[in-house]
Every structure is written in structure tokens, then in C-alpha cells.
Protein backbone atom coordinates (compact mmCIF):
# COMPACT_ATOMS: atom_id res chain seq x y z
CA MET A 1 24.60 -17.77 30.64
CA LEU A 2 23.06 -14.31 30.85
CA ILE A 3 25.10 -13.11 27.87
CA SER A 4 23.92 -16.00 25.69
CA LEU A 5 20.28 -15.27 26.63
CA LEU A 6 20.72 -11.61 25.73
CA LEU A 7 22.39 -12.45 22.45
CA SER A 8 19.70 -14.96 21.51
CA GLY A 9 17.13 -12.20 21.97
CA CYS A 10 19.02 -10.06 19.46
CA ALA A 11 19.10 -12.73 16.78
CA SER A 12 17.74 -11.36 13.54
CA ARG A 13 14.96 -13.01 11.61
CA PRO A 14 15.83 -15.01 8.53
CA PRO A 15 15.54 -13.15 5.23
CA LEU A 16 11.99 -12.91 3.88
CA ALA A 17 11.22 -15.85 1.59
CA THR A 18 9.29 -15.37 -1.64
CA VAL A 19 7.43 -17.86 -3.77
CA PRO A 20 9.75 -19.64 -6.25
CA SER A 21 8.23 -17.96 -9.31
CA VAL A 22 5.33 -15.88 -10.57
CA ASP A 23 3.77 -16.14 -14.02
CA LEU A 24 3.24 -12.45 -14.71
CA ASN A 25 0.64 -13.12 -17.41
CA ARG A 26 -1.49 -15.01 -14.87
CA TYR A 27 -0.78 -12.41 -12.17
CA ALA A 28 -1.97 -9.58 -14.41
CA GLY A 29 -5.46 -8.23 -13.88
CA ARG A 30 -7.50 -6.92 -10.96
CA TRP A 31 -6.79 -7.76 -7.34
CA TYR A 32 -8.83 -6.71 -4.31
CA GLU A 33 -7.04 -5.72 -1.13
CA VAL A 34 -8.45 -7.94 1.64
CA ALA A 35 -6.15 -6.77 4.45
CA LYS A 36 -2.96 -4.79 4.96
CA TYR A 37 -0.53 -3.47 7.50
CA PRO A 38 -1.53 0.16 8.03
CA ASN A 39 0.91 2.45 6.21
CA PHE A 40 1.41 6.15 5.63
CA PHE A 41 0.74 6.17 1.89
CA GLN A 42 -2.71 4.59 2.30
CA ARG A 43 -3.68 6.73 5.29
CA ASN A 44 -6.52 8.41 3.36
CA CYS A 45 -7.99 5.19 1.91
CA ALA A 46 -11.35 4.18 3.36
CA GLY A 47 -12.01 1.01 1.36
CA ASN A 48 -12.81 -0.63 -1.97
CA THR A 49 -9.08 -0.78 -2.61
CA THR A 50 -7.92 -2.56 -5.76
CA ALA A 51 -4.75 -3.00 -7.76
CA GLU A 52 -4.66 -3.63 -11.50
CA TYR A 53 -1.51 -5.04 -13.11
CA SER A 54 -0.83 -5.12 -16.86
CA ALA A 55 2.11 -6.11 -19.04
CA ARG A 56 3.77 -3.31 -20.99
CA PRO A 57 5.62 -3.65 -24.31
CA ASP A 58 8.95 -2.71 -22.68
CA GLY A 59 8.71 -5.64 -20.24
CA SER A 60 7.65 -3.55 -17.27
CA ILE A 61 4.31 -3.89 -15.51
CA GLY A 62 1.72 -1.15 -15.30
CA VAL A 63 0.24 -0.70 -11.84
CA VAL A 64 -2.98 1.18 -11.07
CA ASN A 65 -4.16 1.36 -7.45
CA GLU A 66 -7.65 2.65 -6.73
CA SER A 67 -9.60 3.25 -3.54
CA ILE A 68 -12.39 5.29 -2.06
CA GLY A 69 -10.95 8.07 0.08
CA LYS A 70 -12.07 8.97 3.57
CA ASN A 71 -13.78 11.96 1.95
CA GLY A 72 -15.90 9.57 -0.17
CA LYS A 73 -14.16 10.48 -3.42
CA PRO A 74 -12.30 8.03 -5.69
CA MET A 75 -8.52 7.94 -5.39
CA ARG A 76 -6.18 6.63 -8.09
CA VAL A 77 -2.43 6.33 -8.45
CA ALA A 78 -0.55 4.81 -11.39
CA GLY A 79 2.96 3.43 -11.41
CA THR A 80 5.35 0.98 -12.96
CA ALA A 81 6.88 -2.23 -11.65
CA THR A 82 10.07 -3.88 -12.86
CA VAL A 83 11.24 -7.40 -12.12
CA VAL A 84 14.33 -7.97 -10.01
CA PRO A 85 16.57 -10.16 -12.21
CA GLY A 86 17.00 -13.73 -10.98
CA SER A 87 13.92 -13.62 -8.73
CA GLY A 88 11.61 -15.78 -10.82
CA ASN A 89 9.40 -12.67 -11.12
CA ALA A 90 8.60 -12.92 -7.38
CA LYS A 91 10.48 -9.71 -6.54
CA LEU A 92 9.47 -6.43 -8.12
CA ASN A 93 10.41 -2.81 -7.65
CA VAL A 94 7.41 -0.49 -7.88
CA ARG A 95 7.62 3.23 -8.58
CA PHE A 96 4.75 5.71 -8.31
CA GLY A 97 6.46 8.76 -9.76
CA GLY A 98 9.71 10.26 -8.55
CA PRO A 99 13.04 8.54 -8.14
CA ILE A 100 12.15 6.25 -5.22
CA SER A 101 10.91 2.70 -5.77
CA GLY A 102 9.64 0.20 -3.25
CA ALA A 103 10.17 -3.54 -2.96
CA TYR A 104 7.10 -5.63 -3.81
CA TRP A 105 7.77 -9.27 -2.98
CA VAL A 106 5.23 -12.02 -3.62
CA ILE A 107 5.61 -14.14 -0.48
CA GLY A 108 2.47 -16.24 -0.88
CA LEU A 109 0.40 -17.26 -3.87
CA ASP A 110 -2.35 -19.68 -4.81
CA GLU A 111 -0.14 -21.28 -7.44
CA LYS A 112 -2.96 -23.35 -8.93
CA ASN A 113 -5.55 -20.65 -9.60
CA TYR A 114 -3.82 -17.35 -8.77
CA SER A 115 -6.93 -16.56 -6.70
CA TRP A 116 -5.00 -14.94 -3.82
CA ALA A 117 -1.57 -13.47 -3.20
CA VAL A 118 0.41 -12.12 -0.28
CA VAL A 119 2.78 -9.25 -0.91
CA GLY A 120 5.41 -8.10 1.52
CA HIS A 121 8.52 -6.01 1.88
CA PRO A 122 11.92 -7.42 2.95
CA SER A 123 11.80 -5.21 6.08
CA ARG A 124 8.48 -6.83 7.05
CA GLN A 125 7.08 -3.33 7.63
CA PHE A 126 4.57 -3.64 4.77
CA LEU A 127 2.11 -6.43 4.01
CA TRP A 128 -0.92 -6.86 1.77
CA ILE A 129 -3.31 -9.79 1.31
CA LEU A 130 -4.88 -9.72 -2.15
CA SER A 131 -7.69 -11.70 -3.74
CA ARG A 132 -9.32 -11.91 -7.15
CA GLU A 133 -12.67 -11.53 -5.36
CA PRO A 134 -13.64 -8.83 -2.83
CA LYS A 135 -13.72 -11.43 -0.05
CA LEU A 136 -11.84 -14.65 0.70
CA PRO A 137 -13.42 -17.80 2.15
CA ALA A 138 -12.73 -17.96 5.92
CA ALA A 139 -10.71 -21.18 5.63
CA THR A 140 -8.50 -19.68 2.91
CA TYR A 141 -7.94 -16.53 4.97
CA GLN A 142 -6.90 -18.63 7.97
CA GLN A 143 -4.46 -20.56 5.74
CA ILE A 144 -2.99 -17.25 4.58
CA LEU A 145 -2.66 -16.01 8.18
CA THR A 146 -0.66 -19.14 9.01
CA LEU A 147 1.63 -18.51 6.03
CA VAL A 148 2.05 -14.84 7.01
CA ALA A 149 3.04 -15.82 10.55
CA GLU A 150 5.51 -18.39 9.20
CA ARG A 151 7.10 -15.60 7.15
CA GLY A 152 7.74 -13.63 10.34
CA TYR A 153 4.85 -11.16 10.26
CA ASP A 154 2.67 -10.24 13.23
CA THR A 155 -0.86 -11.10 12.09
CA ALA A 156 -2.35 -8.93 14.86
CA ARG A 157 -1.19 -5.85 12.91
CA LEU A 158 -3.33 -6.72 9.89
CA GLU A 159 -6.18 -4.34 9.17
CA PRO A 160 -9.11 -5.63 7.10
CA THR A 161 -9.98 -3.57 4.03
CA PRO A 162 -13.70 -2.86 3.59
CA GLN A 163 -14.93 -3.98 0.16
CA LYS A 164 -18.40 -3.73 -1.37
């Protein structure tokens, strides 16, 4: 009995589910970061964080992330995303210079209007809630929190992103 209890506590979470597909033309454009899991590469960001996605002629996606730094100065980083084949465009690999790329999985999306998106990492160590507007309606945000929890994320770790 004790062994089965211990083993059940070690059971791994199911793999992170993504949305079935993403229309990259509709996904392109400006997104505002509403909330995120704190992470090392955004440690100097103070707010007004946005991401801009654009289609490139070679089939990749241009990515430009901007924020106001803790020192009050604008910060900007540009990169490239490529689609993971067979993912319905819901799984991307993003590279911001250098040889290392990171998984960018769309795990939630307002499929009707593309007004919000949730992006995660298969390790569940990274999470971003994005919106086309600087703020989300409270009811929509609560709906997203439910989805995030269903995907195996701890919503208590989310940090709101200040936006003007």
C-alpha cells in the first residue's frame, strides 16, 4: 500500500497539449504581455512588454520583443521563429541569436478573434498570457487562468505585466 502511494506521487504530468492549429497570418501582429512566469531573460523588464510577429519570405516568422527596462530605457530584442513540422503551426522554435532555440507552444487561443493567446514551454517552466489589447476583461482572464491550470501550470506563479 505504501509503495503504491509513493509511486502515485511520482507520476509525471501528461505532455503539454497545444491548440490544434494556428493561422500564422492571423497570429501575426502586436501582442501585449498581460502576465508571465518570472524568468531569467526578462529579469530587467519593468513593463510595457510587447511581442510583434511577422511572416518572412522564407517561411519563418520575425519576432521583435520590446519592453521598458528597470532603468526606464527601452529594451528590444529581435529573433526568428520556425514552425515544428506536423504541429499545425502551434509549436514553434524561437531563436534570439546564437545556436540555442526555445520551444514556443501555443497552448490556448481565442480561435474566433485571435484576441488572446497563451504560450508555454513543454517543461511548464515558462508561461506567457498575451492579448491584442494592453488589458484583458476580468472574465476573460479568469477563463484563461482556468485553462492554464488545466494544462498543468500553477497559476499562483503568474506575475502581472504592467502596461500603460
